[in-house]
């Protein structure tokens, strides 16, 4: 699979390496910052969706079972139903912090998606609150200005 798959693969590798930062909620009192953050989350959700569409079932499970037992990821492998997103030209660090693997478990992708959707919902609520607050502030300013001009 040519360029397209490699692009998603490299983006997922980068996302995974910064997963703690990428799935952390960042809300500010600045509307533009929140809208930018919402845009970034939506981009990550698109990447995760494409990665989930590229998940494959591993028929030869013994290697994956042995590796997962060695690094303490057996529960993630079973939760994934032996389905992984392959990274043939990249790698991520395993749960033990030392071993490298060239796949991401489906359960990890789903967990990232849940966190991002939760953050998206919170940022949308913050944006709505900021819009309402600024609308009320403008109405109060207008009312104050109208009273002063009388």
N, C-alpha and C. Protein backbone atom coordinates (compact mmCIF):
# COMPACT_ATOMS: atom_id res chain seq x y z
N UNK A 1 0.84 -1.17 0.00
CA UNK A 1 0.00 0.00 0.00
C UNK A 1 0.88 1.23 0.00
N UNK A 2 0.73 2.02 -0.98
CA UNK A 2 1.67 3.12 -1.18
C UNK A 2 1.55 4.28 -0.20
N UNK A 3 1.68 5.44 -0.69
CA UNK A 3 1.86 6.64 0.08
C UNK A 3 0.78 6.89 1.14
N UNK A 4 -0.47 6.71 0.80
CA UNK A 4 -1.57 7.02 1.72
C UNK A 4 -1.44 6.26 3.03
N UNK A 5 -1.20 4.97 2.94
CA UNK A 5 -1.07 4.16 4.15
C UNK A 5 0.12 4.61 4.97
N UNK A 6 1.22 4.93 4.31
CA UNK A 6 2.42 5.38 5.02
C UNK A 6 2.16 6.69 5.75
N UNK A 7 1.36 7.57 5.15
CA UNK A 7 1.05 8.85 5.77
C UNK A 7 0.26 8.63 7.06
N UNK A 8 -0.76 7.81 7.01
CA UNK A 8 -1.56 7.51 8.20
C UNK A 8 -0.69 6.82 9.24
N UNK A 9 0.13 5.90 8.77
CA UNK A 9 1.03 5.18 9.68
C UNK A 9 1.96 6.14 10.42
N UNK A 10 2.57 7.08 9.70
CA UNK A 10 3.50 8.00 10.36
C UNK A 10 2.74 8.95 11.29
N UNK A 11 1.53 9.37 10.89
CA UNK A 11 0.75 10.24 11.76
C UNK A 11 0.33 9.50 13.04
N UNK A 12 -0.02 8.23 12.92
CA UNK A 12 -0.38 7.45 14.11
C UNK A 12 0.83 7.22 15.01
N UNK A 13 1.98 7.00 14.41
CA UNK A 13 3.20 6.83 15.21
C UNK A 13 3.48 8.10 16.00
N UNK A 14 3.38 9.26 15.34
CA UNK A 14 3.59 10.53 16.03
C UNK A 14 2.54 10.77 17.10
N UNK A 15 1.28 10.48 16.78
CA UNK A 15 0.20 10.65 17.76
C UNK A 15 0.46 9.78 18.98
N UNK A 16 0.83 8.52 18.75
CA UNK A 16 1.03 7.59 19.86
C UNK A 16 2.18 8.04 20.75
N UNK A 17 3.25 8.52 20.15
CA UNK A 17 4.40 8.95 20.94
C UNK A 17 4.06 10.15 21.82
N UNK A 18 3.08 10.95 21.40
CA UNK A 18 2.65 12.12 22.17
C UNK A 18 1.24 11.94 22.72
N UNK A 19 0.82 10.69 22.94
CA UNK A 19 -0.57 10.40 23.31
C UNK A 19 -1.01 11.11 24.58
N UNK A 20 -0.13 11.22 25.55
CA UNK A 20 -0.51 11.89 26.80
C UNK A 20 -0.82 13.36 26.56
N UNK A 21 0.00 13.99 25.73
CA UNK A 21 -0.23 15.40 25.40
C UNK A 21 -1.45 15.56 24.50
N UNK A 22 -1.58 14.68 23.50
CA UNK A 22 -2.66 14.80 22.51
C UNK A 22 -4.04 14.52 23.08
N UNK A 23 -4.12 13.75 24.13
CA UNK A 23 -5.43 13.43 24.71
C UNK A 23 -5.73 14.23 25.98
N UNK A 24 -4.84 15.17 26.32
CA UNK A 24 -5.04 16.03 27.49
C UNK A 24 -5.98 17.17 27.12
N UNK A 25 -6.91 17.47 27.99
CA UNK A 25 -7.86 18.54 27.75
C UNK A 25 -7.21 19.89 28.04
N UNK A 26 -7.32 20.80 27.09
CA UNK A 26 -6.76 22.14 27.24
C UNK A 26 -7.87 23.15 26.89
N UNK A 27 -8.42 23.79 27.92
CA UNK A 27 -9.46 24.80 27.73
C UNK A 27 -8.94 26.11 28.33
N UNK A 28 -9.17 27.21 27.59
CA UNK A 28 -8.76 28.53 28.05
C UNK A 28 -9.95 29.48 27.99
N UNK A 29 -9.74 30.68 28.48
CA UNK A 29 -10.77 31.71 28.41
C UNK A 29 -10.74 32.43 27.06
N UNK A 30 -9.92 31.96 26.15
CA UNK A 30 -9.78 32.56 24.84
C UNK A 30 -10.56 31.74 23.83
N UNK A 31 -11.52 32.37 23.17
CA UNK A 31 -12.38 31.67 22.21
C UNK A 31 -11.58 31.12 21.03
N UNK A 32 -10.64 31.91 20.52
CA UNK A 32 -9.84 31.47 19.37
C UNK A 32 -8.99 30.25 19.73
N UNK A 33 -8.43 30.24 20.92
CA UNK A 33 -7.63 29.09 21.34
C UNK A 33 -8.49 27.85 21.42
N UNK A 34 -9.68 27.97 21.98
CA UNK A 34 -10.58 26.82 22.11
C UNK A 34 -11.03 26.32 20.74
N UNK A 35 -11.29 27.23 19.81
CA UNK A 35 -11.68 26.81 18.46
C UNK A 35 -10.53 26.11 17.75
N UNK A 36 -9.32 26.59 17.97
CA UNK A 36 -8.14 25.93 17.40
C UNK A 36 -7.96 24.55 18.00
N UNK A 37 -8.13 24.44 19.29
CA UNK A 37 -8.02 23.16 19.98
C UNK A 37 -9.09 22.18 19.48
N UNK A 38 -10.29 22.67 19.25
CA UNK A 38 -11.37 21.84 18.71
C UNK A 38 -11.01 21.35 17.32
N UNK A 39 -10.42 22.19 16.52
CA UNK A 39 -10.00 21.82 15.17
C UNK A 39 -8.92 20.73 15.21
N UNK A 40 -7.99 20.85 16.12
CA UNK A 40 -6.93 19.85 16.28
C UNK A 40 -7.52 18.51 16.70
N UNK A 41 -8.45 18.54 17.64
CA UNK A 41 -9.10 17.30 18.09
C UNK A 41 -9.84 16.64 16.93
N UNK A 42 -10.54 17.43 16.13
CA UNK A 42 -11.25 16.86 14.98
C UNK A 42 -10.29 16.22 13.99
N UNK A 43 -9.13 16.84 13.79
CA UNK A 43 -8.11 16.25 12.90
C UNK A 43 -7.61 14.91 13.47
N UNK A 44 -7.37 14.87 14.77
CA UNK A 44 -6.94 13.62 15.40
C UNK A 44 -8.01 12.54 15.28
N UNK A 45 -9.26 12.93 15.43
CA UNK A 45 -10.35 11.97 15.30
C UNK A 45 -10.40 11.38 13.89
N UNK A 46 -10.14 12.20 12.89
CA UNK A 46 -10.10 11.70 11.51
C UNK A 46 -8.98 10.70 11.32
N UNK A 47 -7.81 11.00 11.89
CA UNK A 47 -6.67 10.09 11.79
C UNK A 47 -6.98 8.77 12.48
N UNK A 48 -7.56 8.86 13.69
CA UNK A 48 -7.92 7.64 14.43
C UNK A 48 -8.95 6.81 13.68
N UNK A 49 -9.91 7.47 13.04
CA UNK A 49 -10.91 6.75 12.27
C UNK A 49 -10.25 5.97 11.13
N UNK A 50 -9.33 6.63 10.43
CA UNK A 50 -8.64 5.96 9.33
C UNK A 50 -7.79 4.80 9.85
N UNK A 51 -7.17 4.98 11.01
CA UNK A 51 -6.38 3.90 11.60
C UNK A 51 -7.29 2.73 11.99
N UNK A 52 -8.45 3.04 12.55
CA UNK A 52 -9.38 1.97 12.92
C UNK A 52 -9.86 1.21 11.68
N UNK A 53 -9.97 1.89 10.56
CA UNK A 53 -10.36 1.22 9.32
C UNK A 53 -9.22 0.33 8.79
N UNK A 54 -7.99 0.61 9.24
CA UNK A 54 -6.84 -0.17 8.80
C UNK A 54 -6.45 -1.29 9.75
N UNK A 55 -7.25 -1.52 10.77
CA UNK A 55 -6.97 -2.58 11.75
C UNK A 55 -7.13 -3.94 11.08
N UNK A 56 -6.20 -4.84 11.38
CA UNK A 56 -6.27 -6.19 10.82
C UNK A 56 -6.23 -7.24 11.94
N UNK A 57 -6.87 -8.36 11.67
CA UNK A 57 -6.89 -9.49 12.60
C UNK A 57 -5.65 -10.33 12.36
N UNK A 58 -4.95 -10.71 13.42
CA UNK A 58 -3.74 -11.51 13.30
C UNK A 58 -4.07 -12.98 13.51
N UNK A 59 -3.92 -13.75 12.45
CA UNK A 59 -4.23 -15.18 12.51
C UNK A 59 -3.16 -15.94 13.29
N UNK A 60 -1.91 -15.57 13.07
CA UNK A 60 -0.81 -16.23 13.79
C UNK A 60 -0.60 -15.50 15.11
N UNK A 61 -1.30 -15.96 16.12
CA UNK A 61 -1.37 -15.25 17.40
C UNK A 61 -0.19 -15.51 18.32
N UNK A 62 0.54 -16.58 18.12
CA UNK A 62 1.55 -16.97 19.11
C UNK A 62 2.59 -15.88 19.35
N UNK A 63 3.08 -15.24 18.30
CA UNK A 63 4.06 -14.17 18.48
C UNK A 63 3.48 -13.05 19.32
N UNK A 64 2.26 -12.65 18.99
CA UNK A 64 1.62 -11.55 19.70
C UNK A 64 1.30 -11.92 21.15
N UNK A 65 0.88 -13.14 21.36
CA UNK A 65 0.59 -13.61 22.73
C UNK A 65 1.87 -13.62 23.55
N UNK A 66 2.95 -14.18 22.99
CA UNK A 66 4.23 -14.22 23.71
C UNK A 66 4.74 -12.82 24.03
N UNK A 67 4.67 -11.93 23.05
CA UNK A 67 5.15 -10.57 23.25
C UNK A 67 4.31 -9.87 24.32
N UNK A 68 2.99 -9.99 24.21
CA UNK A 68 2.09 -9.32 25.15
C UNK A 68 2.32 -9.82 26.58
N UNK A 69 2.55 -11.12 26.75
CA UNK A 69 2.81 -11.66 28.08
C UNK A 69 4.13 -11.14 28.62
N UNK A 70 5.12 -11.00 27.73
CA UNK A 70 6.45 -10.55 28.14
C UNK A 70 6.42 -9.09 28.63
N UNK A 71 5.62 -8.24 27.99
CA UNK A 71 5.63 -6.81 28.34
C UNK A 71 4.42 -6.37 29.15
N UNK A 72 3.54 -7.31 29.51
CA UNK A 72 2.39 -6.98 30.35
C UNK A 72 1.23 -6.34 29.59
N UNK A 73 1.05 -6.73 28.34
CA UNK A 73 -0.03 -6.18 27.54
C UNK A 73 -1.06 -7.23 27.13
N UNK A 74 -1.11 -8.32 27.84
CA UNK A 74 -2.03 -9.40 27.49
C UNK A 74 -3.48 -8.94 27.48
N UNK A 75 -3.84 -8.14 28.49
CA UNK A 75 -5.22 -7.66 28.55
C UNK A 75 -5.58 -6.79 27.34
N UNK A 76 -4.64 -5.97 26.88
CA UNK A 76 -4.89 -5.13 25.71
C UNK A 76 -5.04 -5.96 24.44
N UNK A 77 -4.25 -7.02 24.33
CA UNK A 77 -4.34 -7.90 23.16
C UNK A 77 -5.68 -8.62 23.13
N UNK A 78 -6.12 -9.12 24.27
CA UNK A 78 -7.39 -9.82 24.34
C UNK A 78 -8.55 -8.85 24.11
N UNK A 79 -8.48 -7.67 24.73
CA UNK A 79 -9.52 -6.66 24.54
C UNK A 79 -9.64 -6.26 23.07
N UNK A 80 -8.53 -6.30 22.36
CA UNK A 80 -8.52 -5.94 20.94
C UNK A 80 -9.02 -7.07 20.05
N UNK A 81 -9.19 -8.24 20.62
CA UNK A 81 -9.62 -9.38 19.81
C UNK A 81 -8.55 -9.78 18.80
N UNK A 82 -7.28 -9.60 19.16
CA UNK A 82 -6.13 -9.90 18.31
C UNK A 82 -6.14 -9.07 17.03
N UNK A 83 -6.73 -7.86 17.12
CA UNK A 83 -6.75 -6.93 16.00
C UNK A 83 -5.79 -5.79 16.31
N UNK A 84 -4.94 -5.46 15.33
CA UNK A 84 -3.93 -4.42 15.53
C UNK A 84 -3.84 -3.55 14.28
N UNK A 85 -3.32 -2.34 14.48
CA UNK A 85 -2.98 -1.46 13.37
C UNK A 85 -1.48 -1.57 13.18
N UNK A 86 -1.06 -2.12 12.05
CA UNK A 86 0.36 -2.35 11.78
C UNK A 86 1.10 -1.06 11.48
N UNK A 87 2.33 -1.00 11.97
CA UNK A 87 3.25 0.11 11.69
C UNK A 87 4.53 -0.48 11.09
N UNK A 88 4.51 -0.95 9.84
CA UNK A 88 5.67 -1.63 9.29
C UNK A 88 6.93 -0.76 9.20
N UNK A 89 6.76 0.56 9.15
CA UNK A 89 7.93 1.44 9.04
C UNK A 89 8.12 2.30 10.27
N UNK A 90 7.45 1.96 11.35
CA UNK A 90 7.57 2.72 12.58
C UNK A 90 7.45 1.80 13.77
N UNK A 91 7.56 2.37 14.94
CA UNK A 91 7.42 1.58 16.16
C UNK A 91 6.93 2.48 17.28
N UNK A 92 6.38 1.86 18.31
CA UNK A 92 5.98 2.55 19.52
C UNK A 92 6.56 1.78 20.71
N UNK A 93 6.68 2.45 21.83
CA UNK A 93 7.21 1.83 23.03
C UNK A 93 6.07 1.11 23.75
N UNK A 94 6.34 -0.09 24.20
CA UNK A 94 5.33 -0.91 24.87
C UNK A 94 5.09 -0.42 26.29
N UNK A 95 4.15 -1.08 26.94
CA UNK A 95 3.75 -0.73 28.29
C UNK A 95 4.90 -0.83 29.29
N UNK A 96 5.85 -1.72 29.05
CA UNK A 96 6.96 -1.88 29.98
C UNK A 96 7.97 -0.74 29.91
N UNK A 97 7.84 0.13 28.89
CA UNK A 97 8.72 1.29 28.75
C UNK A 97 10.05 1.00 28.09
N UNK A 98 10.29 -0.23 27.70
CA UNK A 98 11.58 -0.60 27.11
C UNK A 98 11.40 -1.22 25.72
N UNK A 99 10.51 -2.18 25.62
CA UNK A 99 10.32 -2.93 24.38
C UNK A 99 9.62 -2.08 23.32
N UNK A 100 9.97 -2.37 22.06
CA UNK A 100 9.36 -1.68 20.94
C UNK A 100 8.44 -2.65 20.21
N UNK A 101 7.35 -2.12 19.69
CA UNK A 101 6.47 -2.94 18.87
C UNK A 101 6.06 -2.14 17.64
N UNK A 102 5.78 -2.86 16.56
CA UNK A 102 5.41 -2.18 15.32
C UNK A 102 3.92 -2.32 15.04
N UNK A 103 3.12 -2.17 16.07
CA UNK A 103 1.66 -2.19 15.94
C UNK A 103 1.06 -1.43 17.10
N UNK A 104 -0.20 -1.03 16.91
CA UNK A 104 -0.99 -0.40 17.96
C UNK A 104 -2.24 -1.25 18.12
N UNK A 105 -2.56 -1.61 19.35
CA UNK A 105 -3.74 -2.43 19.61
C UNK A 105 -5.02 -1.66 19.29
N UNK A 106 -6.01 -2.38 18.81
CA UNK A 106 -7.29 -1.75 18.50
C UNK A 106 -7.90 -1.13 19.75
N UNK A 107 -7.75 -1.78 20.88
CA UNK A 107 -8.31 -1.24 22.13
C UNK A 107 -7.68 0.10 22.49
N UNK A 108 -6.41 0.29 22.16
CA UNK A 108 -5.76 1.58 22.41
C UNK A 108 -6.37 2.66 21.52
N UNK A 109 -6.58 2.33 20.25
CA UNK A 109 -7.18 3.29 19.33
C UNK A 109 -8.57 3.71 19.81
N UNK A 110 -9.34 2.74 20.27
CA UNK A 110 -10.69 3.03 20.75
C UNK A 110 -10.64 3.90 22.01
N UNK A 111 -9.69 3.62 22.88
CA UNK A 111 -9.54 4.42 24.10
C UNK A 111 -9.14 5.86 23.77
N UNK A 112 -8.22 6.04 22.83
CA UNK A 112 -7.84 7.39 22.40
C UNK A 112 -9.05 8.13 21.84
N UNK A 113 -9.84 7.43 21.04
CA UNK A 113 -11.02 8.04 20.42
C UNK A 113 -12.01 8.47 21.50
N UNK A 114 -12.23 7.65 22.51
CA UNK A 114 -13.15 8.00 23.59
C UNK A 114 -12.67 9.26 24.31
N UNK A 115 -11.37 9.34 24.62
CA UNK A 115 -10.83 10.51 25.31
C UNK A 115 -10.99 11.76 24.46
N UNK A 116 -10.70 11.64 23.16
CA UNK A 116 -10.81 12.81 22.30
C UNK A 116 -12.26 13.27 22.15
N UNK A 117 -13.19 12.32 22.04
CA UNK A 117 -14.60 12.70 21.95
C UNK A 117 -15.08 13.38 23.22
N UNK A 118 -14.61 12.91 24.36
CA UNK A 118 -14.94 13.52 25.64
C UNK A 118 -14.39 14.95 25.71
N UNK A 119 -13.13 15.12 25.29
CA UNK A 119 -12.51 16.45 25.28
C UNK A 119 -13.23 17.38 24.31
N UNK A 120 -13.63 16.83 23.16
CA UNK A 120 -14.35 17.63 22.16
C UNK A 120 -15.64 18.16 22.75
N UNK A 121 -16.36 17.32 23.44
CA UNK A 121 -17.63 17.72 24.05
C UNK A 121 -17.40 18.84 25.08
N UNK A 122 -16.36 18.71 25.90
CA UNK A 122 -16.07 19.72 26.91
C UNK A 122 -15.65 21.05 26.29
N UNK A 123 -14.86 20.99 25.22
CA UNK A 123 -14.43 22.22 24.56
C UNK A 123 -15.61 22.90 23.87
N UNK A 124 -16.49 22.12 23.26
CA UNK A 124 -17.69 22.70 22.64
C UNK A 124 -18.55 23.40 23.69
N UNK A 125 -18.65 22.81 24.87
CA UNK A 125 -19.41 23.43 25.96
C UNK A 125 -18.73 24.74 26.40
N UNK A 126 -17.41 24.72 26.47
CA UNK A 126 -16.68 25.93 26.87
C UNK A 126 -16.84 27.03 25.81
N UNK A 127 -16.83 26.65 24.55
CA UNK A 127 -17.02 27.63 23.48
C UNK A 127 -18.42 28.24 23.57
N UNK A 128 -19.41 27.40 23.79
CA UNK A 128 -20.79 27.90 23.94
C UNK A 128 -20.91 28.85 25.12
N UNK A 129 -20.27 28.48 26.22
CA UNK A 129 -20.31 29.34 27.42
C UNK A 129 -19.64 30.68 27.15
N UNK A 130 -18.51 30.66 26.45
CA UNK A 130 -17.82 31.91 26.12
C UNK A 130 -18.66 32.77 25.18
N UNK A 131 -19.34 32.14 24.23
CA UNK A 131 -20.20 32.90 23.31
C UNK A 131 -21.36 33.54 24.06
N UNK A 132 -21.97 32.80 24.97
CA UNK A 132 -23.08 33.36 25.76
C UNK A 132 -22.57 34.47 26.66
N UNK A 133 -21.42 34.26 27.30
CA UNK A 133 -20.86 35.28 28.19
C UNK A 133 -20.55 36.56 27.44
N UNK A 134 -19.97 36.42 26.25
CA UNK A 134 -19.64 37.63 25.49
C UNK A 134 -20.91 38.31 24.99
N UNK A 135 -21.94 37.54 24.65
CA UNK A 135 -23.21 38.13 24.24
C UNK A 135 -23.87 38.91 25.36
N UNK A 136 -23.85 38.35 26.55
CA UNK A 136 -24.42 39.02 27.72
C UNK A 136 -23.61 40.29 28.03
N UNK A 137 -22.30 40.20 27.95
CA UNK A 137 -21.45 41.37 28.22
C UNK A 137 -21.72 42.47 27.21
N UNK A 138 -21.90 42.11 25.95
CA UNK A 138 -22.20 43.13 24.93
C UNK A 138 -23.57 43.76 25.18
N UNK A 139 -24.55 42.94 25.58
CA UNK A 139 -25.89 43.48 25.87
C UNK A 139 -25.84 44.44 27.05
N UNK A 140 -25.08 44.08 28.07
CA UNK A 140 -24.95 44.97 29.24
C UNK A 140 -24.23 46.26 28.87
N UNK A 141 -23.22 46.18 28.04
CA UNK A 141 -22.52 47.39 27.59
C UNK A 141 -23.46 48.28 26.79
N UNK A 142 -24.24 47.67 25.93
CA UNK A 142 -25.19 48.44 25.12
C UNK A 142 -26.24 49.10 26.02
N UNK A 143 -26.73 48.36 27.00
CA UNK A 143 -27.73 48.92 27.91
C UNK A 143 -27.13 50.07 28.70
N UNK A 144 -25.91 49.92 29.16
CA UNK A 144 -25.22 50.97 29.91
C UNK A 144 -24.99 52.19 29.03
N UNK A 145 -24.60 51.97 27.79
CA UNK A 145 -24.35 53.06 26.85
C UNK A 145 -25.65 53.80 26.53
N UNK A 146 -26.74 53.04 26.39
CA UNK A 146 -28.04 53.65 26.10
C UNK A 146 -28.51 54.52 27.25
N UNK A 147 -28.28 54.09 28.47
CA UNK A 147 -28.70 54.88 29.63
C UNK A 147 -27.87 56.15 29.78
N UNK A 148 -26.61 56.10 29.41
CA UNK A 148 -25.74 57.26 29.53
C UNK A 148 -26.08 58.32 28.49
N UNK A 149 -26.54 57.90 27.33
CA UNK A 149 -26.81 58.86 26.27
C UNK A 149 -28.16 59.58 26.45
N UNK A 150 -28.99 59.11 27.38
CA UNK A 150 -30.29 59.73 27.63
C UNK A 150 -30.17 60.95 28.48
